């Protein structure tokens, strides 16, 4: 039950703002998105959506339309520019046992945003309000009063919370007086979309996402649904290339082709800058408003979606009265290290590989990292998966069987904490009744005999789940990260209850 009759206000209708809004709707939280512009962005910007983002979209019931608009790929290739030969690829099929989506997708941001906006319109008609520019806000004990400039003049709006998803020049961040710390590279990047036939008339066998490495002149080649995208560095002080120069640059990398048509281009500055604080009372920063990370290896948009995965369920738990307000403190504590150290370090590594200052290592570990599936949240945060699964890890999305057929772990914990008791269902272990926000189930390679336990037991042929976790009880959060794990005993149900109450800050 929502304990507030005020919606959450999301400022900014970019991908992070729209996905955050979809997350709130998925958790039953009323939301309004205010966008300053008359239209969604038409700029040539982000173009690759990583696996972890696909999982978030699936959790928020928005994946299908995004996949329809996208181009799927299971190989991230690296090519030596001087010789045109492959120097190795990351094959995302290595993740088939980890996720239902062992691939990433390419879709331009200006095509992604309308898809997300349409899904939001279907789920929450009228939630997106264009031409509403935030000018100021005032916080109160029980909400936030917004002032917005609209075609009809200045209007006020009462919100339960405000989420600033309004980009690198965030008005929300500016009004909070929050500093941005970090550095900006002298080198800029050029992004250009071109129509050229590399499939039939001038066939090339480049992966749909290919990194051409070189000490002097590297390039990223991205196959979009309707065109090819080229990204390359622009030396400090160099003027923005002309259309003819962009064509010549493309031919320099891919060779002669029948024709090249420039659809659009963008020159952008490369940052590694992070807000000093991501929260002030009832106001939060997400996405580029909180962290400006270089888009190398698709880290800009996708790092922002990690924010959109972390915060909505916390707000839902607090608004339902299932958690203390202190649960919201975990958002910045978990996400800021990922942006400052995790994605930032990955960006630096990407530039080193592209400029041939270091070598890339392909394999399962690299695939986990490059798709953001390896992010461990919490005090022991990490961007790579090593050793046994532990608290903070994203749980693998393993398949088990309910009474009516297959289901995956991430589906079971979409709007609840979920305790998996990995033990023998034949012994009928005691489980307490479900309670608000917490469900406890048994997962076993022995199908449960018909009894009171059967509706709460899942069949695990081959013990695949227990092989990954061990004979334990594991508590999953609504965002599929592990909140607790311990060896299973007959009283584990009580440990789980106590841990859940600590997690939602209702117990010391």
Protein backbone atom coordinates (compact mmCIF):
# COMPACT_ATOMS: atom_id res chain seq x y z
CA UNK A 1 0.00 0.00 0.00
CA UNK A 2 1.31 3.44 -0.95
CA UNK A 3 1.44 5.56 2.18
CA UNK A 4 1.64 8.79 0.15
CA UNK A 5 -1.02 10.16 -2.16
CA UNK A 6 1.60 12.15 -4.06
CA UNK A 7 3.40 10.77 -7.10
CA UNK A 8 7.15 10.63 -7.53
CA UNK A 9 8.36 13.32 -9.94
CA UNK A 10 11.00 12.33 -12.48
CA UNK A 11 12.75 15.29 -14.10
CA UNK A 12 13.93 14.49 -17.62
CA UNK A 13 12.60 12.12 -20.30
CA UNK A 14 15.86 10.68 -21.52
CA UNK A 15 16.37 6.91 -21.38
CA UNK A 16 17.32 6.89 -17.68
CA UNK A 17 14.33 9.03 -16.72
CA UNK A 18 11.92 6.91 -18.74
CA UNK A 19 13.33 3.60 -17.45
CA UNK A 20 13.22 4.91 -13.88
CA UNK A 21 9.59 5.86 -14.39
CA UNK A 22 8.81 2.41 -15.81
CA UNK A 23 10.46 0.89 -12.75
CA UNK A 24 8.28 2.90 -10.41
CA UNK A 25 5.17 1.92 -12.37
CA UNK A 26 6.22 -1.75 -12.26
CA UNK A 27 6.34 -1.47 -8.46
CA UNK A 28 2.95 0.26 -8.32
CA UNK A 29 4.30 3.72 -7.49
CA UNK A 30 2.48 6.66 -9.17
CA UNK A 31 4.87 8.75 -11.24
CA UNK A 32 4.94 11.88 -13.39
CA UNK A 33 7.80 12.63 -15.80
CA UNK A 34 8.49 16.28 -16.60
CA UNK A 35 10.44 17.02 -19.78
CA UNK A 36 11.53 20.55 -20.69
CA UNK A 37 11.55 20.00 -24.45
CA UNK A 38 8.64 19.90 -26.83
CA UNK A 39 9.96 16.65 -28.30
CA UNK A 40 12.15 13.78 -27.24
CA UNK A 41 15.83 14.00 -28.19
CA UNK A 42 16.75 13.67 -31.87
CA UNK A 43 20.52 13.88 -31.34
CA UNK A 44 22.98 11.22 -32.49
CA UNK A 45 23.87 9.77 -29.10
CA UNK A 46 24.08 6.43 -27.23
CA UNK A 47 23.55 3.35 -29.36
CA UNK A 48 24.30 0.08 -27.49
CA UNK A 49 22.18 -1.43 -24.72
CA UNK A 50 24.03 -3.96 -22.56
CA UNK A 51 22.76 -7.25 -21.15
CA UNK A 52 22.18 -5.97 -17.61
CA UNK A 53 20.03 -3.18 -19.03
CA UNK A 54 18.02 -5.76 -20.98
CA UNK A 55 17.40 -7.59 -17.71
CA UNK A 56 16.20 -4.37 -16.08
CA UNK A 57 13.88 -3.64 -19.00
CA UNK A 58 12.51 -7.17 -18.76
CA UNK A 59 11.87 -6.71 -15.03
CA UNK A 60 9.97 -3.51 -15.84
CA UNK A 61 7.88 -5.18 -18.61
CA UNK A 62 9.42 -3.01 -21.33
CA UNK A 63 11.84 -5.34 -23.10
CA UNK A 64 9.72 -6.64 -25.97
CA UNK A 65 9.22 -3.32 -27.80
CA UNK A 66 12.90 -2.43 -27.30
CA UNK A 67 14.02 -5.70 -28.87
CA UNK A 68 11.68 -5.11 -31.82
CA UNK A 69 13.38 -1.79 -32.50
CA UNK A 70 16.92 -3.13 -32.02
CA UNK A 71 19.60 -5.20 -33.67
CA UNK A 72 20.87 -8.09 -31.52
CA UNK A 73 24.54 -9.15 -31.42
CA UNK A 74 26.45 -11.86 -29.62
CA UNK A 75 30.01 -10.84 -30.53
CA UNK A 76 32.05 -7.80 -29.53
CA UNK A 77 35.02 -7.80 -31.87
CA UNK A 78 38.42 -6.17 -31.80
CA UNK A 79 40.28 -5.44 -35.04
CA UNK A 80 43.79 -4.18 -35.67
CA UNK A 81 43.29 -1.06 -37.80
CA UNK A 82 46.64 -1.29 -39.59
CA UNK A 83 46.11 -4.85 -40.85
CA UNK A 84 42.32 -5.18 -40.73
CA UNK A 85 42.69 -8.51 -38.94
CA UNK A 86 40.82 -9.67 -35.85
CA UNK A 87 42.73 -9.49 -32.57
CA UNK A 88 40.03 -11.38 -30.66
CA UNK A 89 36.36 -11.24 -29.82
CA UNK A 90 34.20 -11.44 -26.73
CA UNK A 91 31.48 -14.01 -27.46
CA UNK A 92 28.43 -13.30 -25.34
CA UNK A 93 27.12 -16.83 -25.88
CA UNK A 94 29.45 -17.66 -22.98
CA UNK A 95 26.75 -16.11 -20.78
CA UNK A 96 23.96 -18.49 -21.84
CA UNK A 97 23.91 -20.10 -18.36
CA UNK A 98 23.92 -16.69 -16.65
CA UNK A 99 21.07 -14.85 -18.30
CA UNK A 100 18.09 -15.21 -20.62
CA UNK A 101 19.70 -12.52 -22.76
CA UNK A 102 23.23 -13.65 -23.76
CA UNK A 103 23.59 -10.72 -26.16
CA UNK A 104 23.52 -6.94 -26.32
CA UNK A 105 21.51 -4.80 -28.72
CA UNK A 106 22.20 -1.78 -30.88
CA UNK A 107 19.52 0.89 -31.10
CA UNK A 108 20.09 4.67 -31.45
CA UNK A 109 18.98 6.70 -28.46
CA UNK A 110 16.64 8.81 -30.59
CA UNK A 111 14.84 5.58 -31.58
CA UNK A 112 14.95 4.07 -28.09
CA UNK A 113 13.33 7.01 -26.32
CA UNK A 114 10.03 6.96 -28.30
CA UNK A 115 9.74 3.21 -27.66
CA UNK A 116 10.17 3.71 -23.91
CA UNK A 117 7.78 6.66 -23.93
CA UNK A 118 5.11 4.58 -25.68
CA UNK A 119 5.45 1.79 -23.11
CA UNK A 120 5.13 4.36 -20.32
CA UNK A 121 2.01 5.79 -22.00
CA UNK A 122 0.48 2.31 -22.10
CA UNK A 123 1.32 1.58 -18.45
CA UNK A 124 0.57 5.06 -17.05
CA UNK A 125 -1.37 7.26 -19.49
CA UNK A 126 -0.59 10.94 -19.07
CA UNK A 127 2.49 10.36 -16.94
CA UNK A 128 4.82 12.03 -19.46
CA UNK A 129 4.38 15.81 -19.60
CA UNK A 130 6.35 17.62 -22.27
CA UNK A 131 7.23 21.33 -22.24
CA UNK A 132 7.40 21.34 -18.44
CA UNK A 133 10.72 22.88 -17.41
CA UNK A 134 11.68 22.69 -13.75
CA UNK A 135 12.62 26.11 -12.38
CA UNK A 136 12.80 25.46 -8.64
CA UNK A 137 11.64 23.23 -5.81
CA UNK A 138 11.22 23.39 -2.03
CA UNK A 139 11.44 20.36 0.25
CA UNK A 140 9.09 19.70 3.17
CA UNK A 141 8.98 16.95 5.76
CA UNK A 142 6.39 15.00 3.76
CA UNK A 143 7.09 16.00 0.15
CA UNK A 144 8.53 18.42 -2.37
CA UNK A 145 6.83 21.41 -4.01
CA UNK A 146 7.95 21.95 -7.62
CA UNK A 147 7.71 25.06 -9.77
CA UNK A 148 7.59 24.38 -13.49
CA UNK A 149 7.54 26.64 -16.53
CA UNK A 150 4.91 25.54 -19.07
CA UNK A 151 3.24 27.05 -22.15
CA UNK A 152 0.44 28.10 -19.80
CA UNK A 153 2.77 29.82 -17.36
CA UNK A 154 4.32 28.80 -14.05
CA UNK A 155 2.58 25.88 -12.34
CA UNK A 156 3.15 24.14 -9.03
CA UNK A 157 3.23 20.42 -8.35
CA UNK A 158 3.34 18.39 -5.15
CA UNK A 159 5.54 15.29 -5.24
CA UNK A 160 6.51 12.65 -2.72
CA UNK A 161 10.10 12.57 -4.04
CA UNK A 162 12.01 14.17 -6.91
CA UNK A 163 14.39 12.17 -9.11
CA UNK A 164 16.78 14.29 -11.17
CA UNK A 165 17.36 12.46 -14.45
CA UNK A 166 17.96 15.70 -16.33
CA UNK A 167 21.43 15.08 -17.72
CA UNK A 168 24.89 16.53 -17.42
CA UNK A 169 23.59 20.11 -17.09
CA UNK A 170 21.09 19.05 -14.43
CA UNK A 171 18.83 21.78 -13.05
CA UNK A 172 18.08 19.55 -10.07
CA UNK A 173 21.78 19.21 -9.25
CA UNK A 174 22.33 22.94 -9.72
CA UNK A 175 19.43 23.83 -7.40
CA UNK A 176 20.83 21.47 -4.77
CA UNK A 177 24.21 23.19 -5.03
CA UNK A 178 25.98 19.87 -5.54
CA UNK A 179 29.53 19.97 -6.93
CA UNK A 180 30.75 17.79 -9.78
CA UNK A 181 34.21 16.32 -9.27
CA UNK A 182 36.57 14.61 -11.69
CA UNK A 183 38.19 15.48 -14.98
CA UNK A 184 37.45 16.07 -18.65
CA UNK A 185 39.69 14.79 -21.44
CA UNK A 186 41.21 17.24 -23.90
CA UNK A 187 40.45 14.76 -26.65
CA UNK A 188 36.89 14.78 -27.98
CA UNK A 189 34.99 12.07 -29.82
CA UNK A 190 33.13 12.28 -33.12
CA UNK A 191 30.06 10.14 -33.62
CA UNK A 192 28.61 9.88 -37.13
CA UNK A 193 25.78 7.79 -38.59
CA UNK A 194 26.22 6.78 -42.22
CA UNK A 195 24.27 4.72 -44.72
CA UNK A 196 26.60 2.41 -46.62
CA UNK A 197 26.14 -1.12 -47.89
CA UNK A 198 28.59 -3.39 -46.10
CA UNK A 199 26.22 -6.37 -46.33
CA UNK A 200 25.64 -7.10 -50.03
CA UNK A 201 27.17 -4.58 -52.43
CA UNK A 202 30.42 -4.21 -50.46
CA UNK A 203 30.32 -7.16 -48.07
CA UNK A 204 32.34 -6.99 -44.87
CA UNK A 205 32.41 -9.52 -42.06
CA UNK A 206 32.81 -7.06 -39.21
CA UNK A 207 31.04 -7.92 -35.95
CA UNK A 208 28.04 -5.69 -35.34
CA UNK A 209 30.11 -4.02 -32.60
CA UNK A 210 33.78 -3.77 -33.62
CA UNK A 211 36.64 -1.86 -32.03
CA UNK A 212 39.45 -0.92 -34.45
CA UNK A 213 42.51 -0.41 -32.27
CA UNK A 214 45.54 1.68 -33.21
CA UNK A 215 48.16 3.77 -31.37
CA UNK A 216 47.47 6.80 -33.53
CA UNK A 217 43.93 6.47 -34.82
CA UNK A 218 41.27 4.12 -33.43
CA UNK A 219 37.60 3.76 -34.31
CA UNK A 220 34.45 2.02 -33.08
CA UNK A 221 32.10 0.60 -35.71
CA UNK A 222 28.50 -0.08 -34.65
CA UNK A 223 25.88 -1.70 -36.88
CA UNK A 224 22.61 0.03 -36.14
CA UNK A 225 19.24 -1.27 -37.40
CA UNK A 226 19.20 1.13 -40.35
CA UNK A 227 22.75 2.42 -40.70
CA UNK A 228 26.36 2.14 -39.56
CA UNK A 229 27.73 4.25 -36.74
CA UNK A 230 31.37 5.35 -36.57
CA UNK A 231 33.03 6.75 -33.45
CA UNK A 232 36.59 8.09 -33.50
CA UNK A 233 38.75 10.55 -31.51
CA UNK A 234 39.22 14.18 -32.47
CA UNK A 235 42.57 15.70 -31.54
CA UNK A 236 42.52 18.71 -29.17
CA UNK A 237 41.93 21.95 -31.05
CA UNK A 238 40.71 20.27 -34.23
CA UNK A 239 37.61 21.74 -35.84
CA UNK A 240 34.49 19.64 -36.29
CA UNK A 241 34.92 17.55 -39.49
CA UNK A 242 33.00 18.44 -42.61
CA UNK A 243 30.65 15.96 -44.27
CA UNK A 244 33.32 15.12 -46.85
CA UNK A 245 35.92 14.60 -44.12
CA UNK A 246 33.55 12.24 -42.33
CA UNK A 247 33.12 10.23 -45.51
CA UNK A 248 36.88 10.08 -46.04
CA UNK A 249 37.43 8.97 -42.45
CA UNK A 250 34.94 6.12 -42.87
CA UNK A 251 36.55 4.97 -46.12
CA UNK A 252 39.95 5.09 -44.41
CA UNK A 253 38.78 2.39 -42.02
CA UNK A 254 36.43 0.21 -44.10
CA UNK A 255 37.86 0.72 -47.58
CA UNK A 256 36.14 1.81 -50.76
CA UNK A 257 32.37 1.40 -50.95
CA UNK A 258 29.79 2.31 -53.59
CA UNK A 259 28.33 5.23 -51.65
CA UNK A 260 28.24 6.87 -48.23
CA UNK A 261 25.44 9.08 -46.96
CA UNK A 262 25.91 11.03 -43.73
CA UNK A 263 22.71 10.93 -41.69
CA UNK A 264 23.98 12.93 -38.72
CA UNK A 265 26.96 13.55 -36.52
CA UNK A 266 27.86 14.82 -33.08
CA UNK A 267 31.10 15.98 -31.46
CA UNK A 268 31.10 15.47 -27.73
CA UNK A 269 33.39 16.00 -24.80
CA UNK A 270 34.59 13.00 -22.82
CA UNK A 271 34.15 13.17 -19.06
CA UNK A 272 34.86 11.19 -15.94
CA UNK A 273 32.98 13.46 -13.56
CA UNK A 274 30.80 12.47 -10.62
CA UNK A 275 28.49 14.48 -8.34
CA UNK A 276 29.82 14.86 -4.79
CA UNK A 277 26.41 13.92 -3.38
CA UNK A 278 23.54 12.03 -4.99
CA UNK A 279 20.83 12.72 -2.45
CA UNK A 280 19.47 15.60 -0.42
CA UNK A 281 16.44 14.60 1.61
CA UNK A 282 13.69 13.66 -0.81
CA UNK A 283 15.65 14.61 -3.93
CA UNK A 284 17.94 12.18 -5.78
CA UNK A 285 20.27 12.35 -8.77
CA UNK A 286 20.46 9.57 -11.38
CA UNK A 287 22.21 8.99 -14.69
CA UNK A 288 24.26 11.83 -16.17
CA UNK A 289 23.00 14.17 -13.44
CA UNK A 290 24.94 12.00 -10.97
CA UNK A 291 27.85 10.82 -13.13
CA UNK A 292 29.24 11.74 -16.53
CA UNK A 293 31.14 8.67 -17.75
CA UNK A 294 32.73 8.37 -21.16
CA UNK A 295 30.50 6.43 -23.58
CA UNK A 296 33.36 4.05 -24.45
CA UNK A 297 32.16 0.44 -24.07
CA UNK A 298 28.59 1.82 -23.81
CA UNK A 299 29.16 2.98 -20.23
CA UNK A 300 27.17 6.21 -20.24
CA UNK A 301 23.54 5.15 -20.67
CA UNK A 302 24.04 1.68 -19.19
CA UNK A 303 25.68 2.90 -16.00
CA UNK A 304 22.69 5.20 -15.58
CA UNK A 305 20.31 2.25 -15.92
CA UNK A 306 22.05 0.63 -12.95
CA UNK A 307 20.79 3.65 -10.96
CA UNK A 308 17.31 3.10 -12.41
CA UNK A 309 17.50 -0.51 -11.22
CA UNK A 310 18.55 0.32 -7.67
CA UNK A 311 16.31 3.18 -6.55
CA UNK A 312 12.68 2.39 -7.62
CA UNK A 313 12.24 -0.73 -5.47
CA UNK A 314 13.63 1.15 -2.46
CA UNK A 315 11.13 3.96 -2.95
CA UNK A 316 8.32 1.41 -3.34
CA UNK A 317 9.23 -0.33 -0.08
CA UNK A 318 9.30 2.98 1.83
CA UNK A 319 6.07 4.28 0.28
CA UNK A 320 4.30 0.99 1.06
CA UNK A 321 5.42 1.22 4.66
CA UNK A 322 7.50 -1.95 4.32
CA UNK A 323 10.81 -0.22 5.06
CA UNK A 324 12.21 2.67 7.05
CA UNK A 325 13.32 5.77 5.11
CA UNK A 326 16.94 4.81 5.86
CA UNK A 327 16.61 2.11 3.17
CA UNK A 328 17.04 4.94 0.66
CA UNK A 329 20.57 5.59 1.95
CA UNK A 330 21.70 2.40 0.22
CA UNK A 331 21.17 3.90 -3.25
CA UNK A 332 24.14 6.27 -3.24
CA UNK A 333 26.24 3.97 -1.04
CA UNK A 334 25.98 1.21 -3.63
CA UNK A 335 25.84 3.05 -6.94
CA UNK A 336 28.44 5.77 -6.44
CA UNK A 337 31.43 3.37 -6.19
CA UNK A 338 30.27 1.69 -9.40
CA UNK A 339 30.35 5.02 -11.25
CA UNK A 340 33.47 6.48 -9.64
CA UNK A 341 35.67 3.41 -9.70
CA UNK A 342 33.90 0.70 -11.66
CA UNK A 343 32.66 2.30 -14.87
CA UNK A 344 35.37 4.93 -14.69
CA UNK A 345 38.08 2.27 -14.51
CA UNK A 346 36.45 0.37 -17.36
CA UNK A 347 36.47 3.54 -19.46
CA UNK A 348 40.17 4.05 -18.86
CA UNK A 349 40.81 0.39 -19.72
CA UNK A 350 38.81 0.80 -22.94
CA UNK A 351 40.90 3.77 -24.03
CA UNK A 352 44.10 1.85 -23.23
CA UNK A 353 43.00 -1.12 -25.33
CA UNK A 354 41.86 1.08 -28.23
CA UNK A 355 45.15 3.01 -28.32
CA UNK A 356 47.13 -0.24 -28.02
CA UNK A 357 48.58 0.64 -24.61
CA UNK A 358 47.28 -2.65 -23.19
CA UNK A 359 45.80 -5.94 -24.38
CA UNK A 360 42.22 -7.09 -24.00
CA UNK A 361 41.54 -10.55 -22.60
CA UNK A 362 38.47 -12.30 -23.98
CA UNK A 363 36.47 -14.94 -22.12
CA UNK A 364 33.64 -15.48 -19.65
CA UNK A 365 35.04 -12.98 -17.16
CA UNK A 366 35.44 -10.34 -19.85
CA UNK A 367 31.92 -11.02 -21.13
CA UNK A 368 30.53 -10.60 -17.60
CA UNK A 369 32.32 -7.28 -17.27
CA UNK A 370 31.55 -5.89 -20.73
CA UNK A 371 27.83 -6.57 -20.30
CA UNK A 372 27.69 -5.19 -16.71
CA UNK A 373 26.56 -8.56 -15.38
CA UNK A 374 29.55 -8.78 -13.03
CA UNK A 375 28.73 -5.77 -10.85
CA UNK A 376 28.84 -6.58 -7.14
CA UNK A 377 27.15 -3.94 -5.00
CA UNK A 378 27.94 -2.98 -1.43
CA UNK A 379 31.07 -2.56 0.66
CA UNK A 380 32.82 -5.37 -1.23
CA UNK A 381 31.90 -3.89 -4.61
CA UNK A 382 33.50 -5.19 -7.78
CA UNK A 383 33.07 -5.01 -11.55
CA UNK A 384 34.25 -8.58 -12.14
CA UNK A 385 33.00 -11.90 -10.87
CA UNK A 386 35.52 -14.06 -9.03
CA UNK A 387 35.02 -17.04 -6.73
CA UNK A 388 31.72 -18.26 -5.22
CA UNK A 389 28.59 -16.15 -5.32
CA UNK A 390 28.38 -13.78 -2.37
CA UNK A 391 26.41 -10.89 -0.91
CA UNK A 392 26.13 -8.01 -3.38
CA UNK A 393 26.45 -10.16 -6.50
CA UNK A 394 23.79 -10.19 -9.15
CA UNK A 395 22.30 -13.68 -8.94
CA UNK A 396 22.48 -15.76 -12.13
CA UNK A 397 19.07 -15.96 -13.78
CA UNK A 398 18.75 -19.74 -13.52
CA UNK A 399 15.76 -21.75 -14.72
CA UNK A 400 13.69 -23.84 -12.32
CA UNK A 401 10.21 -25.34 -12.61
CA UNK A 402 7.05 -24.28 -10.83
CA UNK A 403 3.79 -26.22 -10.83
CA UNK A 404 2.88 -25.04 -14.32
CA UNK A 405 6.25 -24.97 -16.03
CA UNK A 406 9.61 -23.19 -16.23
CA UNK A 407 10.35 -19.92 -14.50
CA UNK A 408 13.58 -18.01 -13.86
CA UNK A 409 14.94 -16.66 -10.60
CA UNK A 410 14.79 -13.04 -11.72
CA UNK A 411 11.11 -13.43 -12.55
CA UNK A 412 10.34 -14.73 -9.07
CA UNK A 413 11.87 -11.78 -7.22
CA UNK A 414 10.58 -8.93 -9.38
CA UNK A 415 8.56 -7.29 -6.61
CA UNK A 416 9.63 -9.12 -3.50
CA UNK A 417 12.60 -10.27 -1.48
CA UNK A 418 12.88 -13.99 -2.22
CA UNK A 419 14.53 -16.58 0.03
CA UNK A 420 15.65 -19.74 -1.78
CA UNK A 421 16.04 -22.69 0.59
CA UNK A 422 18.29 -25.07 -1.35
CA UNK A 423 17.50 -28.29 0.49
CA UNK A 424 15.58 -31.56 0.15
CA UNK A 425 11.87 -30.94 -0.48
CA UNK A 426 11.04 -34.53 0.55
CA UNK A 427 11.85 -33.63 4.16
CA UNK A 428 9.18 -30.90 4.15
CA UNK A 429 11.22 -28.11 5.77
CA UNK A 430 9.18 -25.57 7.66
CA UNK A 431 8.54 -22.24 5.95
CA UNK A 432 6.62 -19.37 7.59
CA UNK A 433 3.70 -17.74 5.78
CA UNK A 434 4.60 -15.09 3.21
CA UNK A 435 4.72 -11.59 4.60
CA UNK A 436 4.69 -8.18 2.91
CA UNK A 437 7.89 -7.84 0.92
CA UNK A 438 9.27 -11.32 1.69
CA UNK A 439 8.57 -14.73 0.20
CA UNK A 440 10.36 -17.98 1.17
CA UNK A 441 10.46 -21.04 -1.12
CA UNK A 442 12.24 -24.38 -1.40
CA UNK A 443 14.33 -25.28 -4.46
CA UNK A 444 15.17 -28.98 -4.77
CA UNK A 445 16.05 -31.67 -7.29
CA UNK A 446 13.37 -33.72 -5.52
CA UNK A 447 9.89 -32.66 -6.55
CA UNK A 448 7.79 -31.92 -3.49
CA UNK A 449 5.19 -34.55 -2.61
CA UNK A 450 1.65 -33.23 -2.53
CA UNK A 451 1.39 -31.37 0.75
CA UNK A 452 1.12 -27.85 2.08
CA UNK A 453 4.67 -27.21 0.85
CA UNK A 454 4.04 -28.02 -2.81
CA UNK A 455 2.83 -24.57 -3.88
CA UNK A 456 6.02 -23.08 -2.43
CA UNK A 457 8.47 -25.62 -3.84
CA UNK A 458 10.36 -25.42 -7.14
CA UNK A 459 11.84 -28.34 -9.02
CA UNK A 460 15.53 -28.07 -9.95
CA UNK A 461 16.44 -30.96 -12.30
CA UNK A 462 20.11 -31.80 -12.05
CA UNK A 463 20.61 -29.60 -8.99
CA UNK A 464 21.75 -26.73 -11.23
CA UNK A 465 20.84 -24.02 -8.70
CA UNK A 466 22.47 -25.79 -5.77
CA UNK A 467 25.60 -26.38 -7.87
CA UNK A 468 25.92 -22.60 -8.32
CA UNK A 469 25.06 -21.54 -4.77
CA UNK A 470 25.77 -24.55 -2.58
CA UNK A 471 23.50 -26.07 0.10
CA UNK A 472 22.49 -22.70 1.47
CA UNK A 473 19.64 -20.33 1.95
CA UNK A 474 20.07 -17.26 -0.25
CA UNK A 475 18.03 -14.07 0.00
CA UNK A 476 17.51 -12.17 -3.27
CA UNK A 477 16.46 -8.52 -3.47
CA UNK A 478 13.88 -7.24 -5.98
CA UNK A 479 16.77 -6.13 -8.23
CA UNK A 480 18.15 -9.71 -8.22
CA UNK A 481 21.21 -8.89 -6.12
CA UNK A 482 22.05 -11.21 -3.22
CA UNK A 483 21.20 -9.71 0.18
CA UNK A 484 22.19 -12.67 2.38
CA UNK A 485 23.57 -16.19 2.11
CA UNK A 486 24.34 -18.79 4.80
CA UNK A 487 24.55 -22.60 5.13
CA UNK A 488 21.07 -24.09 5.26
CA UNK A 489 19.67 -25.37 8.55
CA UNK A 490 16.18 -26.17 9.77
CA UNK A 491 15.99 -22.70 11.35
CA UNK A 492 17.23 -20.77 8.32
CA UNK A 493 13.75 -19.37 7.83
CA UNK A 494 14.21 -17.38 11.05
CA UNK A 495 17.65 -16.10 9.98
CA UNK A 496 16.09 -14.95 6.71
CA UNK A 497 13.32 -13.06 8.50
CA UNK A 498 15.81 -11.33 10.77
CA UNK A 499 18.10 -10.47 7.86
CA UNK A 500 15.19 -9.09 5.83
CA UNK A 501 14.18 -6.78 8.67
CA UNK A 502 17.79 -5.55 8.93
CA UNK A 503 17.94 -5.05 5.17
CA UNK A 504 14.85 -2.84 5.12
CA UNK A 505 16.03 -1.04 8.27
CA UNK A 506 13.16 -2.22 10.48
CA UNK A 507 15.51 -3.96 12.91
CA UNK A 508 18.93 -3.20 14.35
